[in-house]
Amino acid sequence: MFKATAAALFALPLIACGTATNTDPAPAADACGASGYQSLIGANIAAVTLPAELNHRVIGPNDAYTEDHVPSRLNIFTDENGAIITVRCG
């Protein structure tokens, strides 16, 4: 009986950890509206006018940038000539 009780006591913390749930809602895949900016791919960033209130950043091939994920921020990646190559949230 002692072995069964001891095993049950050791399993309790594991059970408690295994049943924890994340109550935060999953972020929307397109929280920044990137799908609406896909038509910019191929355009030169210098010729693009974006809304002033748009949370965005432009990242060139040699630019240093943080890799923190901000779902509502639009990331615009350009090549060495300023052509937009990728537009995505983050």
N, C-alpha and C. Protein backbone atom coordinates (compact mmCIF):
# COMPACT_ATOMS: atom_id res chain seq x y z
N MET A 1 0.82 -1.19 0.00
CA MET A 1 0.00 0.00 0.00
C MET A 1 0.86 1.25 0.00
N PHE A 2 1.99 1.23 0.74
CA PHE A 2 2.86 2.39 0.80
C PHE A 2 3.40 2.75 -0.58
N LYS A 3 3.77 1.75 -1.37
CA LYS A 3 4.32 2.01 -2.69
C LYS A 3 3.30 2.70 -3.58
N ALA A 4 2.07 2.27 -3.55
CA ALA A 4 1.03 2.87 -4.39
C ALA A 4 0.76 4.31 -3.94
N THR A 5 0.73 4.57 -2.65
CA THR A 5 0.47 5.91 -2.14
C THR A 5 1.63 6.84 -2.49
N ALA A 6 2.86 6.35 -2.31
CA ALA A 6 4.01 7.18 -2.62
C ALA A 6 4.04 7.50 -4.11
N ALA A 7 3.75 6.53 -4.94
CA ALA A 7 3.74 6.77 -6.39
C ALA A 7 2.67 7.80 -6.75
N ALA A 8 1.53 7.73 -6.12
CA ALA A 8 0.46 8.68 -6.38
C ALA A 8 0.87 10.08 -5.96
N LEU A 9 1.55 10.21 -4.82
CA LEU A 9 1.99 11.52 -4.35
C LEU A 9 3.03 12.13 -5.28
N PHE A 10 3.93 11.30 -5.80
CA PHE A 10 4.93 11.82 -6.73
C PHE A 10 4.31 12.21 -8.07
N ALA A 11 3.23 11.58 -8.45
CA ALA A 11 2.58 11.87 -9.73
C ALA A 11 1.73 13.14 -9.67
N LEU A 12 1.28 13.55 -8.49
CA LEU A 12 0.41 14.72 -8.38
C LEU A 12 1.00 15.98 -9.00
N PRO A 13 2.25 16.33 -8.70
CA PRO A 13 2.78 17.54 -9.35
C PRO A 13 2.81 17.43 -10.87
N LEU A 14 3.07 16.24 -11.38
CA LEU A 14 3.10 16.06 -12.82
C LEU A 14 1.71 16.20 -13.42
N ILE A 15 0.73 15.69 -12.73
CA ILE A 15 -0.65 15.80 -13.20
C ILE A 15 -1.06 17.27 -13.21
N ALA A 16 -0.71 17.98 -12.15
CA ALA A 16 -1.08 19.39 -12.07
C ALA A 16 -0.44 20.18 -13.20
N CYS A 17 0.80 19.89 -13.53
CA CYS A 17 1.47 20.60 -14.62
C CYS A 17 0.85 20.24 -15.97
N GLY A 18 0.48 18.99 -16.12
CA GLY A 18 -0.05 18.53 -17.38
C GLY A 18 -1.43 19.04 -17.68
N THR A 19 -2.18 19.47 -16.66
CA THR A 19 -3.54 19.91 -16.90
C THR A 19 -3.65 21.43 -17.00
N ALA A 20 -2.55 22.14 -16.86
CA ALA A 20 -2.60 23.59 -16.98
C ALA A 20 -2.94 23.96 -18.42
N THR A 21 -3.77 24.97 -18.58
CA THR A 21 -4.14 25.42 -19.92
C THR A 21 -3.80 26.88 -20.08
N ASN A 22 -3.55 27.25 -21.30
CA ASN A 22 -3.27 28.65 -21.64
C ASN A 22 -4.60 29.32 -21.92
N THR A 23 -4.93 30.34 -21.15
CA THR A 23 -6.20 31.02 -21.33
C THR A 23 -6.10 32.19 -22.31
N ASP A 24 -4.89 32.51 -22.78
CA ASP A 24 -4.73 33.59 -23.75
C ASP A 24 -5.24 33.11 -25.10
N PRO A 25 -6.04 33.94 -25.78
CA PRO A 25 -6.50 33.53 -27.10
C PRO A 25 -5.33 33.50 -28.08
N ALA A 26 -5.41 32.62 -29.03
CA ALA A 26 -4.35 32.52 -30.05
C ALA A 26 -4.38 33.79 -30.90
N PRO A 27 -3.21 34.35 -31.22
CA PRO A 27 -3.20 35.55 -32.04
C PRO A 27 -3.69 35.25 -33.45
N ALA A 28 -4.35 36.20 -34.04
CA ALA A 28 -4.83 36.03 -35.41
C ALA A 28 -3.64 35.92 -36.35
N ALA A 29 -3.75 35.08 -37.34
CA ALA A 29 -2.65 34.86 -38.28
C ALA A 29 -2.32 36.12 -39.08
N ASP A 30 -3.31 36.99 -39.26
CA ASP A 30 -3.09 38.20 -40.05
C ASP A 30 -3.49 39.43 -39.23
N ALA A 31 -3.01 39.48 -37.99
CA ALA A 31 -3.39 40.56 -37.07
C ALA A 31 -2.94 41.93 -37.55
N CYS A 32 -1.91 41.99 -38.38
CA CYS A 32 -1.40 43.28 -38.86
C CYS A 32 -1.97 43.68 -40.21
N GLY A 33 -2.73 42.80 -40.83
CA GLY A 33 -3.31 43.10 -42.13
C GLY A 33 -2.36 42.87 -43.30
N ALA A 34 -1.37 41.99 -43.10
CA ALA A 34 -0.36 41.74 -44.14
C ALA A 34 -0.98 41.29 -45.46
N SER A 35 -2.09 40.59 -45.41
CA SER A 35 -2.71 40.12 -46.65
C SER A 35 -3.12 41.28 -47.55
N GLY A 36 -3.44 42.41 -46.96
CA GLY A 36 -3.81 43.59 -47.74
C GLY A 36 -2.63 44.33 -48.35
N TYR A 37 -1.41 43.95 -47.98
CA TYR A 37 -0.21 44.62 -48.49
C TYR A 37 0.64 43.72 -49.39
N GLN A 38 0.15 42.53 -49.72
CA GLN A 38 0.91 41.61 -50.57
C GLN A 38 1.15 42.18 -51.97
N SER A 39 0.29 43.08 -52.40
CA SER A 39 0.47 43.68 -53.74
C SER A 39 1.70 44.58 -53.80
N LEU A 40 2.28 44.93 -52.65
CA LEU A 40 3.49 45.75 -52.63
C LEU A 40 4.74 44.97 -53.03
N ILE A 41 4.67 43.65 -52.99
CA ILE A 41 5.85 42.84 -53.33
C ILE A 41 6.28 43.15 -54.76
N GLY A 42 7.55 43.48 -54.90
CA GLY A 42 8.11 43.85 -56.18
C GLY A 42 8.25 45.36 -56.34
N ALA A 43 7.47 46.14 -55.58
CA ALA A 43 7.57 47.60 -55.65
C ALA A 43 8.79 48.07 -54.89
N ASN A 44 9.28 49.25 -55.23
CA ASN A 44 10.40 49.83 -54.50
C ASN A 44 9.84 50.56 -53.28
N ILE A 45 10.44 50.32 -52.13
CA ILE A 45 9.94 50.90 -50.89
C ILE A 45 9.93 52.43 -50.95
N ALA A 46 10.83 53.02 -51.71
CA ALA A 46 10.89 54.48 -51.82
C ALA A 46 9.65 55.05 -52.50
N ALA A 47 8.97 54.26 -53.29
CA ALA A 47 7.79 54.71 -54.03
C ALA A 47 6.49 54.39 -53.30
N VAL A 48 6.58 53.76 -52.13
CA VAL A 48 5.39 53.31 -51.40
C VAL A 48 5.02 54.32 -50.31
N THR A 49 3.73 54.66 -50.27
CA THR A 49 3.22 55.51 -49.19
C THR A 49 2.33 54.65 -48.31
N LEU A 50 2.66 54.56 -47.04
CA LEU A 50 1.90 53.76 -46.08
C LEU A 50 1.14 54.70 -45.15
N PRO A 51 0.00 54.24 -44.62
CA PRO A 51 -0.74 55.08 -43.68
C PRO A 51 0.12 55.43 -42.46
N ALA A 52 0.05 56.66 -42.02
CA ALA A 52 0.86 57.14 -40.89
C ALA A 52 0.61 56.33 -39.62
N GLU A 53 -0.61 55.87 -39.43
CA GLU A 53 -0.95 55.14 -38.21
C GLU A 53 -0.59 53.66 -38.26
N LEU A 54 -0.09 53.19 -39.39
CA LEU A 54 0.26 51.78 -39.55
C LEU A 54 1.50 51.43 -38.73
N ASN A 55 1.38 50.45 -37.85
CA ASN A 55 2.51 49.95 -37.06
C ASN A 55 3.33 49.05 -37.99
N HIS A 56 4.48 49.55 -38.43
CA HIS A 56 5.29 48.79 -39.39
C HIS A 56 6.77 49.11 -39.22
N ARG A 57 7.57 48.28 -39.85
CA ARG A 57 8.99 48.55 -39.95
C ARG A 57 9.48 47.99 -41.27
N VAL A 58 10.49 48.67 -41.83
CA VAL A 58 11.09 48.26 -43.09
C VAL A 58 12.46 47.70 -42.76
N ILE A 59 12.74 46.50 -43.25
CA ILE A 59 13.98 45.80 -42.92
C ILE A 59 14.72 45.45 -44.20
N GLY A 60 15.92 46.01 -44.35
CA GLY A 60 16.76 45.73 -45.50
C GLY A 60 17.61 44.50 -45.26
N PRO A 61 18.31 44.03 -46.28
CA PRO A 61 19.07 42.78 -46.17
C PRO A 61 20.21 42.83 -45.15
N ASN A 62 20.75 43.99 -44.87
CA ASN A 62 21.85 44.10 -43.92
C ASN A 62 21.46 44.83 -42.65
N ASP A 63 20.17 45.07 -42.47
CA ASP A 63 19.70 45.79 -41.29
C ASP A 63 19.64 44.87 -40.07
N ALA A 64 20.06 45.38 -38.95
CA ALA A 64 19.88 44.66 -37.69
C ALA A 64 18.46 44.97 -37.20
N TYR A 65 17.80 43.95 -36.68
CA TYR A 65 16.46 44.17 -36.13
C TYR A 65 16.18 43.14 -35.05
N THR A 66 15.29 43.51 -34.14
CA THR A 66 14.93 42.59 -33.07
C THR A 66 14.00 41.52 -33.64
N GLU A 67 14.04 40.36 -33.04
CA GLU A 67 13.18 39.28 -33.49
C GLU A 67 11.99 39.07 -32.54
N ASP A 68 11.66 40.12 -31.79
CA ASP A 68 10.47 40.03 -30.95
C ASP A 68 9.24 39.98 -31.84
N HIS A 69 8.27 39.20 -31.45
CA HIS A 69 7.08 39.02 -32.28
C HIS A 69 5.98 39.94 -31.78
N VAL A 70 5.57 40.86 -32.63
CA VAL A 70 4.46 41.77 -32.34
C VAL A 70 3.42 41.51 -33.42
N PRO A 71 2.38 40.74 -33.11
CA PRO A 71 1.42 40.33 -34.13
C PRO A 71 0.78 41.50 -34.90
N SER A 72 0.64 42.65 -34.28
CA SER A 72 0.00 43.78 -34.93
C SER A 72 0.96 44.63 -35.77
N ARG A 73 2.23 44.25 -35.81
CA ARG A 73 3.23 45.03 -36.57
C ARG A 73 3.45 44.40 -37.94
N LEU A 74 3.45 45.24 -38.97
CA LEU A 74 3.72 44.81 -40.33
C LEU A 74 5.22 44.91 -40.58
N ASN A 75 5.84 43.81 -40.98
CA ASN A 75 7.26 43.78 -41.32
C ASN A 75 7.38 43.76 -42.83
N ILE A 76 8.14 44.71 -43.37
CA ILE A 76 8.35 44.81 -44.80
C ILE A 76 9.83 44.57 -45.06
N PHE A 77 10.15 43.49 -45.73
CA PHE A 77 11.53 43.14 -46.03
C PHE A 77 11.86 43.55 -47.46
N THR A 78 13.03 44.18 -47.62
CA THR A 78 13.45 44.62 -48.94
C THR A 78 14.78 43.97 -49.33
N ASP A 79 15.06 43.98 -50.62
CA ASP A 79 16.37 43.50 -51.08
C ASP A 79 17.34 44.67 -51.11
N GLU A 80 18.54 44.44 -51.61
CA GLU A 80 19.58 45.48 -51.60
C GLU A 80 19.24 46.68 -52.49
N ASN A 81 18.28 46.53 -53.40
CA ASN A 81 17.86 47.64 -54.26
C ASN A 81 16.62 48.36 -53.75
N GLY A 82 16.09 47.93 -52.62
CA GLY A 82 14.90 48.55 -52.05
C GLY A 82 13.59 47.93 -52.52
N ALA A 83 13.68 46.87 -53.33
CA ALA A 83 12.46 46.19 -53.77
C ALA A 83 11.89 45.36 -52.62
N ILE A 84 10.60 45.43 -52.44
CA ILE A 84 9.93 44.69 -51.38
C ILE A 84 9.87 43.22 -51.79
N ILE A 85 10.37 42.35 -50.91
CA ILE A 85 10.40 40.92 -51.22
C ILE A 85 9.47 40.10 -50.32
N THR A 86 9.19 40.61 -49.11
CA THR A 86 8.31 39.89 -48.19
C THR A 86 7.54 40.89 -47.34
N VAL A 87 6.27 40.58 -47.10
CA VAL A 87 5.43 41.39 -46.21
C VAL A 87 4.73 40.41 -45.29
N ARG A 88 4.95 40.55 -43.98
CA ARG A 88 4.33 39.63 -43.02
C ARG A 88 4.18 40.30 -41.66
N CYS A 89 3.34 39.71 -40.84
CA CYS A 89 3.13 40.21 -39.48
C CYS A 89 4.28 39.76 -38.59
N GLY A 90 4.51 40.50 -37.57
CA GLY A 90 5.51 40.09 -36.60
C GLY A 90 6.21 41.24 -36.06
